[in-house]
């Protein structure tokens, strides 16, 4: 007891970093964010339309664009284990 499993250390580190980042963002004047609102909204809307047109439908859910290799799909995990 008293020892942290190795699998929890990245989660705890991420939690601490996120709390610090949240604290910094909380002290930034809100008008600073409103200057970029239309740009962020436009990018988000573009990405949603991109998913609607090019997303992959798997298990009843529309997934992200296929060309992003960082997000594995259900077909990727099943094909890697079949020999």
Protein backbone atom coordinates (compact mmCIF):
# COMPACT_ATOMS: atom_id res chain seq x y z
CA UNK A 1 0.00 0.00 0.00
CA UNK A 2 1.07 3.57 -0.50
CA UNK A 3 2.64 2.91 -3.87
CA UNK A 4 1.06 4.26 -7.03
CA UNK A 5 0.75 1.73 -9.87
CA UNK A 6 2.75 2.73 -12.93
CA UNK A 7 -0.40 2.87 -15.05
CA UNK A 8 -1.84 5.66 -12.87
CA UNK A 9 1.18 7.98 -13.00
CA UNK A 10 0.45 9.43 -16.49
CA UNK A 11 -3.17 10.02 -15.49
CA UNK A 12 -2.20 11.80 -12.29
CA UNK A 13 0.37 13.90 -14.15
CA UNK A 14 -2.21 14.82 -16.79
CA UNK A 15 -4.71 15.72 -14.09
CA UNK A 16 -2.24 18.07 -12.39
CA UNK A 17 -1.23 19.72 -15.65
CA UNK A 18 -4.88 20.18 -16.62
CA UNK A 19 -5.73 21.81 -13.29
CA UNK A 20 -2.82 24.24 -13.66
CA UNK A 21 -3.86 25.07 -17.21
CA UNK A 22 -7.44 25.60 -16.10
CA UNK A 23 -6.22 27.97 -13.39
CA UNK A 24 -4.22 30.02 -15.89
CA UNK A 25 -7.11 30.20 -18.36
CA UNK A 26 -9.50 31.28 -15.60
CA UNK A 27 -7.49 34.46 -15.04
CA UNK A 28 -7.43 35.51 -18.71
CA UNK A 29 -9.86 38.30 -19.60
CA UNK A 30 -12.91 36.77 -21.31
CA UNK A 31 -12.85 39.39 -24.09
CA UNK A 32 -9.58 37.87 -25.28
CA UNK A 33 -11.46 34.66 -26.16
CA UNK A 34 -14.34 36.51 -27.79
CA UNK A 35 -11.92 37.97 -30.35
CA UNK A 36 -11.31 34.45 -31.70
CA UNK A 37 -14.86 33.12 -31.38
CA UNK A 38 -15.75 33.39 -35.07
CA UNK A 39 -12.53 31.71 -36.14
CA UNK A 40 -13.00 28.80 -33.70
CA UNK A 41 -16.67 28.47 -34.64
CA UNK A 42 -15.82 28.43 -38.36
CA UNK A 43 -13.18 25.74 -37.90
CA UNK A 44 -15.54 23.60 -35.77
CA UNK A 45 -18.33 23.95 -38.33
CA UNK A 46 -15.97 23.00 -41.16
CA UNK A 47 -14.80 19.91 -39.27
CA UNK A 48 -18.39 18.82 -38.55
CA UNK A 49 -19.27 19.11 -42.24
CA UNK A 50 -16.11 17.19 -43.10
CA UNK A 51 -17.16 14.33 -40.81
CA UNK A 52 -20.66 14.36 -42.26
CA UNK A 53 -19.27 13.96 -45.78
CA UNK A 54 -16.23 11.75 -45.23
CA UNK A 55 -16.78 10.08 -41.86
CA UNK A 56 -16.81 6.33 -41.42
CA UNK A 57 -20.01 4.79 -40.04
CA UNK A 58 -19.19 1.89 -37.73
CA UNK A 59 -21.44 0.25 -35.12
CA UNK A 60 -24.13 2.85 -35.64
CA UNK A 61 -21.84 5.84 -34.94
CA UNK A 62 -20.25 8.20 -37.43
CA UNK A 63 -16.53 8.33 -36.81
CA UNK A 64 -13.81 10.83 -37.65
CA UNK A 65 -12.26 11.23 -41.09
CA UNK A 66 -10.51 8.06 -42.26
CA UNK A 67 -7.30 9.84 -43.24
CA UNK A 68 -6.32 10.60 -39.62
CA UNK A 69 -4.11 7.68 -38.55
CA UNK A 70 -4.12 8.63 -34.84
CA UNK A 71 -7.66 7.32 -34.24
CA UNK A 72 -7.99 3.56 -34.77
CA UNK A 73 -11.29 2.22 -36.01
CA UNK A 74 -13.00 -1.04 -35.05
CA UNK A 75 -11.88 -2.63 -38.32
CA UNK A 76 -8.23 -1.77 -37.56
CA UNK A 77 -8.24 -3.59 -34.22
CA UNK A 78 -9.94 -6.72 -35.55
CA UNK A 79 -7.69 -7.02 -38.61
CA UNK A 80 -4.45 -6.76 -36.58
CA UNK A 81 -5.31 -9.80 -34.45
CA UNK A 82 -6.35 -12.16 -37.22
CA UNK A 83 -3.62 -14.51 -38.46
